[in-house]
Protein backbone atom coordinates (compact mmCIF):
# COMPACT_ATOMS: atom_id res chain seq x y z
CA MET A 1 0.00 0.00 0.00
CA LYS A 2 1.39 3.42 -1.01
CA ILE A 3 0.01 6.61 0.50
CA ILE A 4 1.19 10.13 -0.26
CA SER A 5 0.39 13.44 1.39
CA TRP A 6 1.39 16.53 -0.58
CA ASN A 7 0.98 20.29 -0.17
CA VAL A 8 0.72 21.24 -3.84
CA ARG A 9 0.21 25.00 -3.30
CA GLY A 10 -2.53 25.20 -5.91
CA LEU A 11 -3.91 23.08 -8.74
CA GLY A 12 -5.31 25.92 -10.84
CA MET A 13 -2.82 25.51 -13.68
CA PRO A 14 -3.13 22.50 -16.02
CA SER A 15 0.64 21.97 -15.87
CA LYS A 16 0.41 21.41 -12.09
CA LEU A 17 -2.41 18.88 -12.56
CA TYR A 18 -0.28 16.91 -15.04
CA LEU A 19 2.74 17.03 -12.73
CA VAL A 20 0.71 15.62 -9.82
CA LYS A 21 -0.97 12.98 -11.99
CA ASP A 22 2.34 11.81 -13.45
CA PHE A 23 3.91 11.53 -10.00
CA LEU A 24 0.96 9.57 -8.56
CA LEU A 25 0.78 7.16 -11.48
CA LEU A 26 4.54 6.64 -11.89
CA ASN A 27 4.85 5.81 -8.19
CA HIS A 28 1.79 3.52 -8.15
CA VAL A 29 0.17 5.46 -5.30
CA ASP A 30 -2.99 3.83 -3.87
CA ILE A 31 -4.22 6.71 -1.68
CA TYR A 32 -3.36 10.40 -1.97
CA CYS A 33 -4.05 13.43 0.19
CA ILE A 34 -3.52 16.80 -1.44
CA GLN A 35 -3.48 19.93 0.71
CA GLU A 36 -3.78 23.54 -0.48
CA SER A 37 -5.51 22.56 -3.71
CA LYS A 38 -6.98 26.09 -3.83
CA LEU A 39 -9.97 24.62 -5.70
CA SER A 40 -13.46 25.62 -4.60
CA LEU A 41 -15.03 22.74 -6.55
CA VAL A 42 -13.71 19.26 -7.28
CA ASP A 43 -15.72 17.06 -9.63
CA ASN A 44 -15.15 13.82 -11.54
CA SER A 45 -13.20 15.53 -14.32
CA ILE A 46 -10.78 17.14 -11.84
CA CYS A 47 -10.46 13.82 -10.03
CA ARG A 48 -9.56 12.09 -13.32
CA SER A 49 -7.08 14.88 -14.09
CA ILE A 50 -5.32 14.10 -10.81
CA GLY A 51 -5.62 10.34 -10.42
CA GLY A 52 -6.46 9.05 -13.87
CA THR A 53 -8.76 6.05 -14.01
CA ARG A 54 -6.81 4.12 -11.35
CA LEU A 55 -7.42 6.54 -8.46
CA ASP A 56 -11.11 6.78 -9.17
CA HIS A 57 -12.80 7.75 -5.88
CA TYR A 58 -12.36 10.93 -3.87
CA SER A 59 -13.61 13.23 -1.17
CA TYR A 60 -12.72 16.88 -0.77
CA ILE A 61 -12.96 20.07 1.24
CA PRO A 62 -13.39 23.19 -0.90
CA ALA A 63 -10.94 26.07 -0.68
CA LEU A 64 -12.03 29.24 1.06
CA GLY A 65 -11.32 31.95 -1.46
CA SER A 66 -7.78 31.44 -2.67
CA ALA A 67 -6.60 29.43 0.35
CA GLY A 68 -6.97 25.89 1.57
CA GLY A 69 -8.72 22.99 -0.05
CA MET A 70 -8.04 19.30 0.43
CA ILE A 71 -8.57 16.27 -1.80
CA VAL A 72 -8.25 12.65 -0.75
CA GLY A 73 -8.39 10.10 -3.55
CA TRP A 74 -8.06 6.35 -3.65
CA ASN A 75 -8.19 3.24 -5.78
CA ASN A 76 -11.67 1.80 -5.26
CA ILE A 77 -10.63 -1.63 -6.51
CA LEU A 78 -8.25 -1.94 -3.54
CA PHE A 79 -9.97 0.18 -0.87
CA GLU A 80 -13.40 1.09 0.31
CA GLY A 81 -13.43 4.62 1.75
CA HIS A 82 -16.02 6.17 4.08
CA LYS A 83 -15.94 9.78 5.18
CA ILE A 84 -15.98 9.84 9.00
CA TYR A 85 -15.69 13.58 9.61
CA GLN A 86 -15.38 16.78 7.61
CA GLY A 87 -14.53 20.15 9.10
CA THR A 88 -13.18 23.39 7.69
CA PHE A 89 -9.59 22.14 7.79
CA CYS A 90 -10.02 18.42 8.47
CA LEU A 91 -11.14 15.44 6.43
CA SER A 92 -11.17 12.01 8.08
CA ILE A 93 -11.75 8.94 5.94
CA GLU A 94 -11.74 5.33 7.09
CA PHE A 95 -10.26 2.93 4.55
CA LYS A 96 -10.96 -0.78 4.38
CA ASN A 97 -8.60 -2.97 2.37
CA LYS A 98 -10.91 -5.07 0.22
CA SER A 99 -8.53 -8.03 -0.01
CA SER A 100 -7.77 -8.38 3.71
CA ASP A 101 -10.72 -6.65 5.44
CA PHE A 102 -8.20 -4.53 7.36
CA SER A 103 -9.51 -1.05 8.30
CA THR A 104 -7.51 2.06 9.11
């Protein structure tokens, strides 16, 4: 299992989206947490721009103006994710490994 947490300092530019996507896919990341996305809305197209088709599920906290924002994405074939808590600056997700039934 590979998990990455990254303060990207903004995903507004397409070049930054491609950089993040390439890194995640080249390193075979299973779960990612991106801080400071600076995106007020994250939808399926943004999620695909970040994680491709492999990292296909996500949850997010919108940015407040031009600050903040968090995106957590994961591979739904490997993990089942359930949002436990969402606050202004906190997103808690419980993951269950589908092959072993292990939760964290």
